[in-house]
Amino acid sequence: MKVNNVEFEFNISSLKQACALELALDHMDEREKKINKKKADPKSRLTEVLSDTLDMFRQFFIEATGADLLQECDDVREATGIYYKFLDEVKKQKETITEPYSTDRIL
């Protein structure tokens, strides 16, 4: 798979990698809740929120894939785009493994 010009191995059909993705998504949910609390606090600085958001995405990728897909990215919108690109690629893989099995394929 290639995302953000980083080539790496990720196969959602691998039980180990699927578990890593699910765990990374769980951890991301926890981090996002903390960020949302910080956003709601009028005393929070924008730079803290941006830094925490970038860290959330970076940790997600490292936990899910073992690779830092963000590399030197310091833009939250760009990081968000990379995240959605990754999810689109995973969705494509997932669609191929959830197709019904049929004996017609071997005839």
PDB file of N, CA and C in Angstrom:
ATOM      1  N   MET A   1       0.861  -1.171   0.000  1.00  0.00           N
ATOM      2  CA  MET A   1       0.000   0.000   0.000  1.00  0.00           C
ATOM      3  C   MET A   1       0.905   1.231   0.000  1.00  0.00           C
ATOM      4  N   LYS A   2       0.431   2.288  -0.655  1.00  0.00           N
ATOM      5  CA  LYS A   2       1.195   3.529  -0.695  1.00  0.00           C
ATOM      6  C   LYS A   2       0.263   4.686  -0.338  1.00  0.00           C
ATOM      7  N   VAL A   3       0.632   5.410   0.717  1.00  0.00           N
ATOM      8  CA  VAL A   3      -0.130   6.571   1.165  1.00  0.00           C
ATOM      9  C   VAL A   3       0.864   7.661   1.517  1.00  0.00           C
ATOM     10  N   ASN A   4       0.604   8.870   1.050  1.00  0.00           N
ATOM     11  CA  ASN A   4       1.480  10.015   1.315  1.00  0.00           C
ATOM     12  C   ASN A   4       2.919   9.718   0.892  1.00  0.00           C
ATOM     13  N   ASN A   5       3.073   9.065  -0.242  1.00  0.00           N
ATOM     14  CA  ASN A   5       4.374   8.691  -0.801  1.00  0.00           C
ATOM     15  C   ASN A   5       5.183   7.768   0.104  1.00  0.00           C
ATOM     16  N   VAL A   6       4.513   7.083   1.005  1.00  0.00           N
ATOM     17  CA  VAL A   6       5.176   6.098   1.866  1.00  0.00           C
ATOM     18  C   VAL A   6       4.653   4.719   1.472  1.00  0.00           C
ATOM     19  N   GLU A   7       5.556   3.855   1.071  1.00  0.00           N
ATOM     20  CA  GLU A   7       5.203   2.485   0.706  1.00  0.00           C
ATOM     21  C   GLU A   7       5.328   1.618   1.954  1.00  0.00           C
ATOM     22  N   PHE A   8       4.287   0.850   2.258  1.00  0.00           N
ATOM     23  CA  PHE A   8       4.298  -0.002   3.436  1.00  0.00           C
ATOM     24  C   PHE A   8       3.355  -1.169   3.217  1.00  0.00           C
ATOM     25  N   GLU A   9       3.543  -2.210   4.004  1.00  0.00           N
ATOM     26  CA  GLU A   9       2.687  -3.390   3.918  1.00  0.00           C
ATOM     27  C   GLU A   9       1.541  -3.255   4.910  1.00  0.00           C
ATOM     28  N   PHE A  10       0.333  -3.370   4.415  1.00  0.00           N
ATOM     29  CA  PHE A  10      -0.834  -3.430   5.274  1.00  0.00           C
ATOM     30  C   PHE A  10      -1.906  -4.222   4.552  1.00  0.00           C
ATOM     31  N   ASN A  11      -2.340  -5.301   5.196  1.00  0.00           N
ATOM     32  CA  ASN A  11      -3.375  -6.159   4.620  1.00  0.00           C
ATOM     33  C   ASN A  11      -4.458  -6.373   5.659  1.00  0.00           C
ATOM     34  N   ILE A  12      -5.630  -5.839   5.402  1.00  0.00           N
ATOM     35  CA  ILE A  12      -6.732  -5.959   6.355  1.00  0.00           C
ATOM     36  C   ILE A  12      -7.190  -7.410   6.481  1.00  0.00           C
ATOM     37  N   SER A  13      -6.796  -8.251   5.551  1.00  0.00           N
ATOM     38  CA  SER A  13      -7.150  -9.670   5.638  1.00  0.00           C
ATOM     39  C   SER A  13      -6.284 -10.424   6.646  1.00  0.00           C
ATOM     40  N   SER A  14      -5.224  -9.794   7.112  1.00  0.00           N
ATOM     41  CA  SER A  14      -4.378 -10.379   8.152  1.00  0.00           C
ATOM     42  C   SER A  14      -5.017 -10.120   9.506  1.00  0.00           C
ATOM     43  N   LEU A  15      -5.264 -11.167  10.249  1.00  0.00           N
ATOM     44  CA  LEU A  15      -5.886 -11.021  11.567  1.00  0.00           C
ATOM     45  C   LEU A  15      -5.052 -10.112  12.460  1.00  0.00           C
ATOM     46  N   LYS A  16      -3.743 -10.280  12.424  1.00  0.00           N
ATOM     47  CA  LYS A  16      -2.849  -9.459  13.251  1.00  0.00           C
ATOM     48  C   LYS A  16      -2.973  -7.974  12.890  1.00  0.00           C
ATOM     49  N   GLN A  17      -2.987  -7.669  11.600  1.00  0.00           N
ATOM     50  CA  GLN A  17      -3.075  -6.270  11.184  1.00  0.00           C
ATOM     51  C   GLN A  17      -4.472  -5.698  11.405  1.00  0.00           C
ATOM     52  N   ALA A  18      -5.500  -6.526  11.240  1.00  0.00           N
ATOM     53  CA  ALA A  18      -6.865  -6.066  11.514  1.00  0.00           C
ATOM     54  C   ALA A  18      -7.013  -5.730  12.998  1.00  0.00           C
ATOM     55  N   CYS A  19      -6.428  -6.553  13.861  1.00  0.00           N
ATOM     56  CA  CYS A  19      -6.466  -6.274  15.310  1.00  0.00           C
ATOM     57  C   CYS A  19      -5.714  -4.992  15.636  1.00  0.00           C
ATOM     58  N   ALA A  20      -4.562  -4.794  14.998  1.00  0.00           N
ATOM     59  CA  ALA A  20      -3.782  -3.576  15.227  1.00  0.00           C
ATOM     60  C   ALA A  20      -4.579  -2.346  14.805  1.00  0.00           C
ATOM     61  N   LEU A  21      -5.292  -2.449  13.688  1.00  0.00           N
ATOM     62  CA  LEU A  21      -6.114  -1.329  13.220  1.00  0.00           C
ATOM     63  C   LEU A  21      -7.236  -1.034  14.208  1.00  0.00           C
ATOM     64  N   GLU A  22      -7.923  -2.069  14.659  1.00  0.00           N
ATOM     65  CA  GLU A  22      -9.021  -1.854  15.603  1.00  0.00           C
ATOM     66  C   GLU A  22      -8.529  -1.243  16.911  1.00  0.00           C
ATOM     67  N   LEU A  23      -7.391  -1.706  17.408  1.00  0.00           N
ATOM     68  CA  LEU A  23      -6.821  -1.155  18.632  1.00  0.00           C
ATOM     69  C   LEU A  23      -6.406   0.307  18.427  1.00  0.00           C
ATOM     70  N   ALA A  24      -5.805   0.593  17.281  1.00  0.00           N
ATOM     71  CA  ALA A  24      -5.404   1.969  16.975  1.00  0.00           C
ATOM     72  C   ALA A  24      -6.620   2.889  16.895  1.00  0.00           C
ATOM     73  N   LEU A  25      -7.710   2.388  16.324  1.00  0.00           N
ATOM     74  CA  LEU A  25      -8.943   3.190  16.263  1.00  0.00           C
ATOM     75  C   LEU A  25      -9.517   3.441  17.656  1.00  0.00           C
ATOM     76  N   ASP A  26      -9.450   2.432  18.525  1.00  0.00           N
ATOM     77  CA  ASP A  26      -9.907   2.613  19.910  1.00  0.00           C
ATOM     78  C   ASP A  26      -9.079   3.676  20.626  1.00  0.00           C
ATOM     79  N   HIS A  27      -7.760   3.592  20.469  1.00  0.00           N
ATOM     80  CA  HIS A  27      -6.881   4.574  21.105  1.00  0.00           C
ATOM     81  C   HIS A  27      -7.100   5.974  20.526  1.00  0.00           C
ATOM     82  N   MET A  28      -7.357   6.027  19.224  1.00  0.00           N
ATOM     83  CA  MET A  28      -7.617   7.311  18.588  1.00  0.00           C
ATOM     84  C   MET A  28      -8.881   7.942  19.155  1.00  0.00           C
ATOM     85  N   ASP A  29      -9.893   7.127  19.379  1.00  0.00           N
ATOM     86  CA  ASP A  29     -11.142   7.625  19.956  1.00  0.00           C
ATOM     87  C   ASP A  29     -10.889   8.259  21.327  1.00  0.00           C
ATOM     88  N   GLU A  30     -10.072   7.598  22.136  1.00  0.00           N
ATOM     89  CA  GLU A  30      -9.732   8.133  23.462  1.00  0.00           C
ATOM     90  C   GLU A  30      -8.991   9.468  23.340  1.00  0.00           C
ATOM     91  N   ARG A  31      -8.023   9.519  22.434  1.00  0.00           N
ATOM     92  CA  ARG A  31      -7.250  10.754  22.243  1.00  0.00           C
ATOM     93  C   ARG A  31      -8.144  11.888  21.729  1.00  0.00           C
ATOM     94  N   GLU A  32      -9.048  11.539  20.828  1.00  0.00           N
ATOM     95  CA  GLU A  32      -9.934  12.557  20.269  1.00  0.00           C
ATOM     96  C   GLU A  32     -10.837  13.167  21.344  1.00  0.00           C
ATOM     97  N   LYS A  33     -11.308  12.348  22.262  1.00  0.00           N
ATOM     98  CA  LYS A  33     -12.141  12.868  23.353  1.00  0.00           C
ATOM     99  C   LYS A  33     -11.362  13.879  24.193  1.00  0.00           C
ATOM    100  N   LYS A  34     -10.100  13.598  24.463  1.00  0.00           N
ATOM    101  CA  LYS A  34      -9.261  14.537  25.220  1.00  0.00           C
ATOM    102  C   LYS A  34      -9.055  15.835  24.443  1.00  0.00           C
ATOM    103  N   ILE A  35      -8.855  15.707  23.150  1.00  0.00           N
ATOM    104  CA  ILE A  35      -8.671  16.901  22.309  1.00  0.00           C
ATOM    105  C   ILE A  35      -9.945  17.739  22.297  1.00  0.00           C
ATOM    106  N   ASN A  36     -11.091  17.079  22.195  1.00  0.00           N
ATOM    107  CA  ASN A  36     -12.361  17.810  22.184  1.00  0.00           C
ATOM    108  C   ASN A  36     -12.589  18.566  23.490  1.00  0.00           C
ATOM    109  N   LYS A  37     -12.179  17.973  24.611  1.00  0.00           N
ATOM    110  CA  LYS A  37     -12.276  18.678  25.895  1.00  0.00           C
ATOM    111  C   LYS A  37     -11.381  19.914  25.887  1.00  0.00           C
ATOM    112  N   LYS A  38     -10.198  19.737  25.319  1.00  0.00           N
ATOM    113  CA  LYS A  38      -9.257  20.858  25.250  1.00  0.00           C
ATOM    114  C   LYS A  38      -9.810  21.959  24.339  1.00  0.00           C
ATOM    115  N   LYS A  39     -10.432  21.565  23.234  1.00  0.00           N
ATOM    116  CA  LYS A  39     -11.031  22.551  22.319  1.00  0.00           C
ATOM    117  C   LYS A  39     -12.119  23.362  23.007  1.00  0.00           C
ATOM    118  N   ALA A  40     -12.873  22.701  23.880  1.00  0.00           N
ATOM    119  CA  ALA A  40     -13.984  23.367  24.565  1.00  0.00           C
ATOM    120  C   ALA A  40     -13.502  24.309  25.668  1.00  0.00           C
ATOM    121  N   ASP A  41     -12.271  24.157  26.107  1.00  0.00           N
ATOM    122  CA  ASP A  41     -11.718  24.992  27.166  1.00  0.00           C
ATOM    123  C   ASP A  41     -11.208  26.304  26.559  1.00  0.00           C
ATOM    124  N   PRO A  42     -11.798  27.435  26.925  1.00  0.00           N
ATOM    125  CA  PRO A  42     -11.373  28.708  26.346  1.00  0.00           C
ATOM    126  C   PRO A  42      -9.922  29.078  26.691  1.00  0.00           C
ATOM    127  N   LYS A  43      -9.352  28.428  27.697  1.00  0.00           N
ATOM    128  CA  LYS A  43      -7.966  28.706  28.076  1.00  0.00           C
ATOM    129  C   LYS A  43      -6.957  27.934  27.221  1.00  0.00           C
ATOM    130  N   SER A  44      -7.430  26.957  26.460  1.00  0.00           N
ATOM    131  CA  SER A  44      -6.530  26.162  25.626  1.00  0.00           C
ATOM    132  C   SER A  44      -5.979  26.996  24.482  1.00  0.00           C
ATOM    133  N   ARG A  45      -4.749  26.725  24.162  1.00  0.00           N
ATOM    134  CA  ARG A  45      -4.097  27.421  23.048  1.00  0.00           C
ATOM    135  C   ARG A  45      -4.297  26.611  21.759  1.00  0.00           C
ATOM    136  N   LEU A  46      -4.456  27.307  20.672  1.00  0.00           N
ATOM    137  CA  LEU A  46      -4.636  26.654  19.373  1.00  0.00           C
ATOM    138  C   LEU A  46      -3.455  25.741  19.057  1.00  0.00           C
ATOM    139  N   THR A  47      -2.256  26.185  19.362  1.00  0.00           N
ATOM    140  CA  THR A  47      -1.076  25.373  19.054  1.00  0.00           C
ATOM    141  C   THR A  47      -1.086  24.048  19.810  1.00  0.00           C
ATOM    142  N   GLU A  48      -1.632  24.030  21.026  1.00  0.00           N
ATOM    143  CA  GLU A  48      -1.741  22.783  21.782  1.00  0.00           C
ATOM    144  C   GLU A  48      -2.714  21.828  21.100  1.00  0.00           C
ATOM    145  N   VAL A  49      -3.830  22.363  20.667  1.00  0.00           N
ATOM    146  CA  VAL A  49      -4.843  21.535  20.004  1.00  0.00           C
ATOM    147  C   VAL A  49      -4.281  20.981  18.689  1.00  0.00           C
ATOM    148  N   LEU A  50      -3.615  21.812  17.915  1.00  0.00           N
ATOM    149  CA  LEU A  50      -3.033  21.357  16.650  1.00  0.00           C
ATOM    150  C   LEU A  50      -1.973  20.284  16.893  1.00  0.00           C
ATOM    151  N   SER A  51      -1.112  20.528  17.861  1.00  0.00           N
ATOM    152  CA  SER A  51      -0.058  19.567  18.184  1.00  0.00           C
ATOM    153  C   SER A  51      -0.648  18.232  18.646  1.00  0.00           C
ATOM    154  N   ASP A  52      -1.639  18.290  19.509  1.00  0.00           N
ATOM    155  CA  ASP A  52      -2.279  17.062  19.999  1.00  0.00           C
ATOM    156  C   ASP A  52      -2.991  16.313  18.870  1.00  0.00           C
ATOM    157  N   THR A  53      -3.593  17.057  17.959  1.00  0.00           N
ATOM    158  CA  THR A  53      -4.296  16.430  16.833  1.00  0.00           C
ATOM    159  C   THR A  53      -3.311  15.730  15.907  1.00  0.00           C
ATOM    160  N   LEU A  54      -2.198  16.401  15.602  1.00  0.00           N
ATOM    161  CA  LEU A  54      -1.175  15.767  14.769  1.00  0.00           C
ATOM    162  C   LEU A  54      -0.607  14.525  15.453  1.00  0.00           C
ATOM    163  N   ASP A  55      -0.393  14.620  16.752  1.00  0.00           N
ATOM    164  CA  ASP A  55       0.107  13.474  17.503  1.00  0.00           C
ATOM    165  C   ASP A  55      -0.905  12.327  17.482  1.00  0.00           C
ATOM    166  N   MET A  56      -2.181  12.647  17.563  1.00  0.00           N
ATOM    167  CA  MET A  56      -3.225  11.626  17.513  1.00  0.00           C
ATOM    168  C   MET A  56      -3.145  10.848  16.200  1.00  0.00           C
ATOM    169  N   PHE A  57      -3.037  11.566  15.079  1.00  0.00           N
ATOM    170  CA  PHE A  57      -2.945  10.896  13.777  1.00  0.00           C
ATOM    171  C   PHE A  57      -1.642  10.105  13.670  1.00  0.00           C
ATOM    172  N   ARG A  58      -0.541  10.706  14.105  1.00  0.00           N
ATOM    173  CA  ARG A  58       0.757  10.034  14.020  1.00  0.00           C
ATOM    174  C   ARG A  58       0.739   8.728  14.819  1.00  0.00           C
ATOM    175  N   GLN A  59       0.236   8.783  16.042  1.00  0.00           N
ATOM    176  CA  GLN A  59       0.165   7.577  16.867  1.00  0.00           C
ATOM    177  C   GLN A  59      -0.759   6.527  16.251  1.00  0.00           C
ATOM    178  N   PHE A  60      -1.855   6.980  15.648  1.00  0.00           N
ATOM    179  CA  PHE A  60      -2.759   6.048  14.968  1.00  0.00           C
ATOM    180  C   PHE A  60      -2.002   5.265  13.893  1.00  0.00           C
ATOM    181  N   PHE A  61      -1.292   5.982  13.026  1.00  0.00           N
ATOM    182  CA  PHE A  61      -0.590   5.311  11.935  1.00  0.00           C
ATOM    183  C   PHE A  61       0.495   4.370  12.443  1.00  0.00           C
ATOM    184  N   ILE A  62       1.223   4.801  13.433  1.00  0.00           N
ATOM    185  CA  ILE A  62       2.286   3.950  13.973  1.00  0.00           C
ATOM    186  C   ILE A  62       1.685   2.691  14.595  1.00  0.00           C
ATOM    187  N   GLU A  63       0.608   2.833  15.357  1.00  0.00           N
ATOM    188  CA  GLU A  63      -0.032   1.669  15.968  1.00  0.00           C
ATOM    189  C   GLU A  63      -0.678   0.752  14.935  1.00  0.00           C
ATOM    190  N   ALA A  64      -1.309   1.333  13.928  1.00  0.00           N
ATOM    191  CA  ALA A  64      -2.048   0.538  12.942  1.00  0.00           C
ATOM    192  C   ALA A  64      -1.136  -0.125  11.917  1.00  0.00           C
ATOM    193  N   THR A  65      -0.082   0.583  11.509  1.00  0.00           N
ATOM    194  CA  THR A  65       0.733   0.096  10.395  1.00  0.00           C
ATOM    195  C   THR A  65       2.198  -0.134  10.738  1.00  0.00           C
ATOM    196  N   GLY A  66       2.647   0.461  11.826  1.00  0.00           N
ATOM    197  CA  GLY A  66       4.068   0.394  12.149  1.00  0.00           C
ATOM    198  C   GLY A  66       4.881   1.444  11.419  1.00  0.00           C
ATOM    199  N   ALA A  67       4.215   2.292  10.643  1.00  0.00           N
ATOM    200  CA  ALA A  67       4.908   3.324   9.865  1.00  0.00           C
ATOM    201  C   ALA A  67       4.355   4.706  10.207  1.00  0.00           C
ATOM    202  N   ASP A  68       5.235   5.684  10.217  1.00  0.00           N
ATOM    203  CA  ASP A  68       4.809   7.068  10.430  1.00  0.00           C
ATOM    204  C   ASP A  68       4.471   7.668   9.075  1.00  0.00           C
ATOM    205  N   LEU A  69       3.210   7.550   8.686  1.00  0.00           N
ATOM    206  CA  LEU A  69       2.796   8.027   7.369  1.00  0.00           C
ATOM    207  C   LEU A  69       2.789   9.548   7.275  1.00  0.00           C
ATOM    208  N   LEU A  70       2.785  10.228   8.391  1.00  0.00           N
ATOM    209  CA  LEU A  70       2.771  11.691   8.362  1.00  0.00           C
ATOM    210  C   LEU A  70       4.143  12.275   8.092  1.00  0.00           C
ATOM    211  N   GLN A  71       5.185  11.526   8.389  1.00  0.00           N
ATOM    212  CA  GLN A  71       6.559  11.981   8.213  1.00  0.00           C
ATOM    213  C   GLN A  71       6.738  13.360   8.853  1.00  0.00           C
ATOM    214  N   GLU A  72       7.008  14.377   8.062  1.00  0.00           N
ATOM    215  CA  GLU A  72       7.268  15.727   8.580  1.00  0.00           C
ATOM    216  C   GLU A  72       6.026  16.624   8.539  1.00  0.00           C
ATOM    217  N   CYS A  73       4.864  16.040   8.347  1.00  0.00           N
ATOM    218  CA  CYS A  73       3.625  16.814   8.225  1.00  0.00           C
ATOM    219  C   CYS A  73       3.366  17.609   9.497  1.00  0.00           C
ATOM    220  N   ASP A  74       3.060  18.903   9.317  1.00  0.00           N
ATOM    221  CA  ASP A  74       2.715  19.741  10.468  1.00  0.00           C
ATOM    222  C   ASP A  74       1.406  20.492  10.232  1.00  0.00           C
ATOM    223  N   ASP A  75       0.584  19.975   9.315  1.00  0.00           N
ATOM    224  CA  ASP A  75      -0.675  20.609   8.960  1.00  0.00           C
ATOM    225  C   ASP A  75      -1.822  19.642   9.258  1.00  0.00           C
ATOM    226  N   VAL A  76      -2.730  20.055  10.117  1.00  0.00           N
ATOM    227  CA  VAL A  76      -3.821  19.180  10.545  1.00  0.00           C
ATOM    228  C   VAL A  76      -4.720  18.793   9.375  1.00  0.00           C
ATOM    229  N   ARG A  77      -4.991  19.717   8.472  1.00  0.00           N
ATOM    230  CA  ARG A  77      -5.842  19.371   7.319  1.00  0.00           C
ATOM    231  C   ARG A  77      -5.169  18.324   6.443  1.00  0.00           C
ATOM    232  N   GLU A  78      -3.875  18.478   6.236  1.00  0.00           N
ATOM    233  CA  GLU A  78      -3.139  17.505   5.439  1.00  0.00           C
ATOM    234  C   GLU A  78      -3.139  16.142   6.138  1.00  0.00           C
ATOM    235  N   ALA A  79      -2.921  16.131   7.444  1.00  0.00           N
ATOM    236  CA  ALA A  79      -2.928  14.878   8.210  1.00  0.00           C
ATOM    237  C   ALA A  79      -4.295  14.204   8.132  1.00  0.00           C
ATOM    238  N   THR A  80      -5.343  14.997   8.204  1.00  0.00           N
ATOM    239  CA  THR A  80      -6.706  14.462   8.099  1.00  0.00           C
ATOM    240  C   THR A  80      -6.907  13.814   6.731  1.00  0.00           C
ATOM    241  N   GLY A  81      -6.418  14.467   5.690  1.00  0.00           N
ATOM    242  CA  GLY A  81      -6.520  13.909   4.342  1.00  0.00           C
ATOM    243  C   GLY A  81      -5.772  12.599   4.193  1.00  0.00           C
ATOM    244  N   ILE A  82      -4.599  12.523   4.802  1.00  0.00           N
ATOM    245  CA  ILE A  82      -3.810  11.290   4.760  1.00  0.00           C
ATOM    246  C   ILE A  82      -4.556  10.170   5.487  1.00  0.00           C
ATOM    247  N   TYR A  83      -5.162  10.509   6.603  1.00  0.00           N
ATOM    248  CA  TYR A  83      -5.945   9.540   7.384  1.00  0.00           C
ATOM    249  C   TYR A  83      -7.100   8.986   6.540  1.00  0.00           C
ATOM    250  N   TYR A  84      -7.842   9.872   5.883  1.00  0.00           N
ATOM    251  CA  TYR A  84      -8.970   9.406   5.069  1.00  0.00           C
ATOM    252  C   TYR A  84      -8.509   8.631   3.844  1.00  0.00           C
ATOM    253  N   LYS A  85      -7.375   8.976   3.283  1.00  0.00           N
ATOM    254  CA  LYS A  85      -6.820   8.226   2.154  1.00  0.00           C
ATOM    255  C   LYS A  85      -6.495   6.796   2.611  1.00  0.00           C
ATOM    256  N   PHE A  86      -5.898   6.677   3.779  1.00  0.00           N
ATOM    257  CA  PHE A  86      -5.590   5.357   4.329  1.00  0.00           C
ATOM    258  C   PHE A  86      -6.871   4.546   4.524  1.00  0.00           C
ATOM    259  N   LEU A  87      -7.889   5.172   5.124  1.00  0.00           N
ATOM    260  CA  LEU A  87      -9.150   4.461   5.350  1.00  0.00           C
ATOM    261  C   LEU A  87      -9.799   4.042   4.037  1.00  0.00           C
ATOM    262  N   ASP A  88      -9.698   4.859   2.997  1.00  0.00           N
ATOM    263  CA  ASP A  88     -10.229   4.487   1.682  1.00  0.00           C
ATOM    264  C   ASP A  88      -9.520   3.247   1.142  1.00  0.00           C
ATOM    265  N   GLU A  89      -8.195   3.194   1.322  1.00  0.00           N
ATOM    266  CA  GLU A  89      -7.432   2.033   0.850  1.00  0.00           C
ATOM    267  C   GLU A  89      -7.825   0.779   1.631  1.00  0.00           C
ATOM    268  N   VAL A  90      -8.019   0.928   2.928  1.00  0.00           N
ATOM    269  CA  VAL A  90      -8.442  -0.210   3.753  1.00  0.00           C
ATOM    270  C   VAL A  90      -9.831  -0.677   3.322  1.00  0.00           C
ATOM    271  N   LYS A  91     -10.706   0.275   3.034  1.00  0.00           N
ATOM    272  CA  LYS A  91     -12.063  -0.076   2.595  1.00  0.00           C
ATOM    273  C   LYS A  91     -12.019  -0.891   1.300  1.00  0.00           C
ATOM    274  N   LYS A  92     -11.151  -0.507   0.362  1.00  0.00           N
ATOM    275  CA  LYS A  92     -11.017  -1.257  -0.887  1.00  0.00           C
ATOM    276  C   LYS A  92     -10.573  -2.694  -0.613  1.00  0.00           C
ATOM    277  N   GLN A  93      -9.600  -2.841   0.289  1.00  0.00           N
ATOM    278  CA  GLN A  93      -9.138  -4.185   0.642  1.00  0.00           C
ATOM    279  C   GLN A  93     -10.264  -4.983   1.298  1.00  0.00           C
ATOM    280  N   LYS A  94     -10.974  -4.331   2.184  1.00  0.00           N
ATOM    281  CA  LYS A  94     -12.036  -5.003   2.938  1.00  0.00           C
ATOM    282  C   LYS A  94     -13.132  -5.510   1.996  1.00  0.00           C
ATOM    283  N   GLU A  95     -13.448  -4.729   0.982  1.00  0.00           N
ATOM    284  CA  GLU A  95     -14.489  -5.125   0.035  1.00  0.00           C
ATOM    285  C   GLU A  95     -14.121  -6.420  -0.688  1.00  0.00           C
ATOM    286  N   THR A  96     -12.835  -6.623  -0.962  1.00  0.00           N
ATOM    287  CA  THR A  96     -12.425  -7.832  -1.682  1.00  0.00           C
ATOM    288  C   THR A  96     -12.481  -9.069  -0.804  1.00  0.00           C
ATOM    289  N   ILE A  97     -12.353  -8.910   0.516  1.00  0.00           N
ATOM    290  CA  ILE A  97     -12.393 -10.098   1.377  1.00  0.00           C
ATOM    291  C   ILE A  97     -13.787 -10.388   1.906  1.00  0.00           C
ATOM    292  N   THR A  98     -14.704  -9.471   1.714  1.00  0.00           N
ATOM    293  CA  THR A  98     -16.064  -9.703   2.211  1.00  0.00           C
ATOM    294  C   THR A  98     -17.018 -10.120   1.090  1.00  0.00           C
ATOM    295  N   GLU A  99     -16.464 -10.339  -0.109  1.00  0.00           N
ATOM    296  CA  GLU A  99     -17.304 -10.825  -1.210  1.00  0.00           C
ATOM    297  C   GLU A  99     -17.752 -12.249  -0.892  1.00  0.00           C
ATOM    298  N   PRO A 100     -18.927 -12.619  -1.332  1.00  0.00           N
ATOM    299  CA  PRO A 100     -19.396 -13.993  -1.066  1.00  0.00           C
ATOM    300  C   PRO A 100     -18.536 -15.000  -1.826  1.00  0.00           C
ATOM    301  N   TYR A 101     -18.347 -16.151  -1.228  1.00  0.00           N
ATOM    302  CA  TYR A 101     -17.610 -17.234  -1.863  1.00  0.00           C
ATOM    303  C   TYR A 101     -18.572 -18.062  -2.702  1.00  0.00           C
ATOM    304  N   SER A 102     -18.104 -18.465  -3.856  1.00  0.00           N
ATOM    305  CA  SER A 102     -18.970 -19.213  -4.751  1.00  0.00           C
ATOM    306  C   SER A 102     -18.135 -20.265  -5.506  1.00  0.00           C
ATOM    307  N   THR A 103     -18.738 -21.413  -5.738  1.00  0.00           N
ATOM    308  CA  THR A 103     -18.070 -22.437  -6.540  1.00  0.00           C
ATOM    309  C   THR A 103     -18.017 -22.037  -8.008  1.00  0.00           C
ATOM    310  N   ASP A 104     -18.802 -21.053  -8.411  1.00  0.00           N
ATOM    311  CA  ASP A 104     -18.780 -20.581  -9.791  1.00  0.00           C
ATOM    312  C   ASP A 104     -17.397 -20.066 -10.179  1.00  0.00           C
ATOM    313  N   ARG A 105     -16.635 -19.632  -9.226  1.00  0.00           N
ATOM    314  CA  ARG A 105     -15.311 -19.075  -9.521  1.00  0.00           C
ATOM    315  C   ARG A 105     -14.331 -20.137 -10.010  1.00  0.00           C
ATOM    316  N   ILE A 106     -14.554 -21.374  -9.670  1.00  0.00           N
ATOM    317  CA  ILE A 106     -13.609 -22.409 -10.068  1.00  0.00           C
ATOM    318  C   ILE A 106     -14.050 -23.179 -11.307  1.00  0.00           C
ATOM    319  N   LEU A 107     -15.235 -22.928 -11.783  1.00  0.00           N
ATOM    320  CA  LEU A 107     -15.750 -23.640 -12.957  1.00  0.00           C
ATOM    321  C   LEU A 107     -15.479 -22.931 -14.241  1.00  0.00           C
TER     322      LEU A 107
END
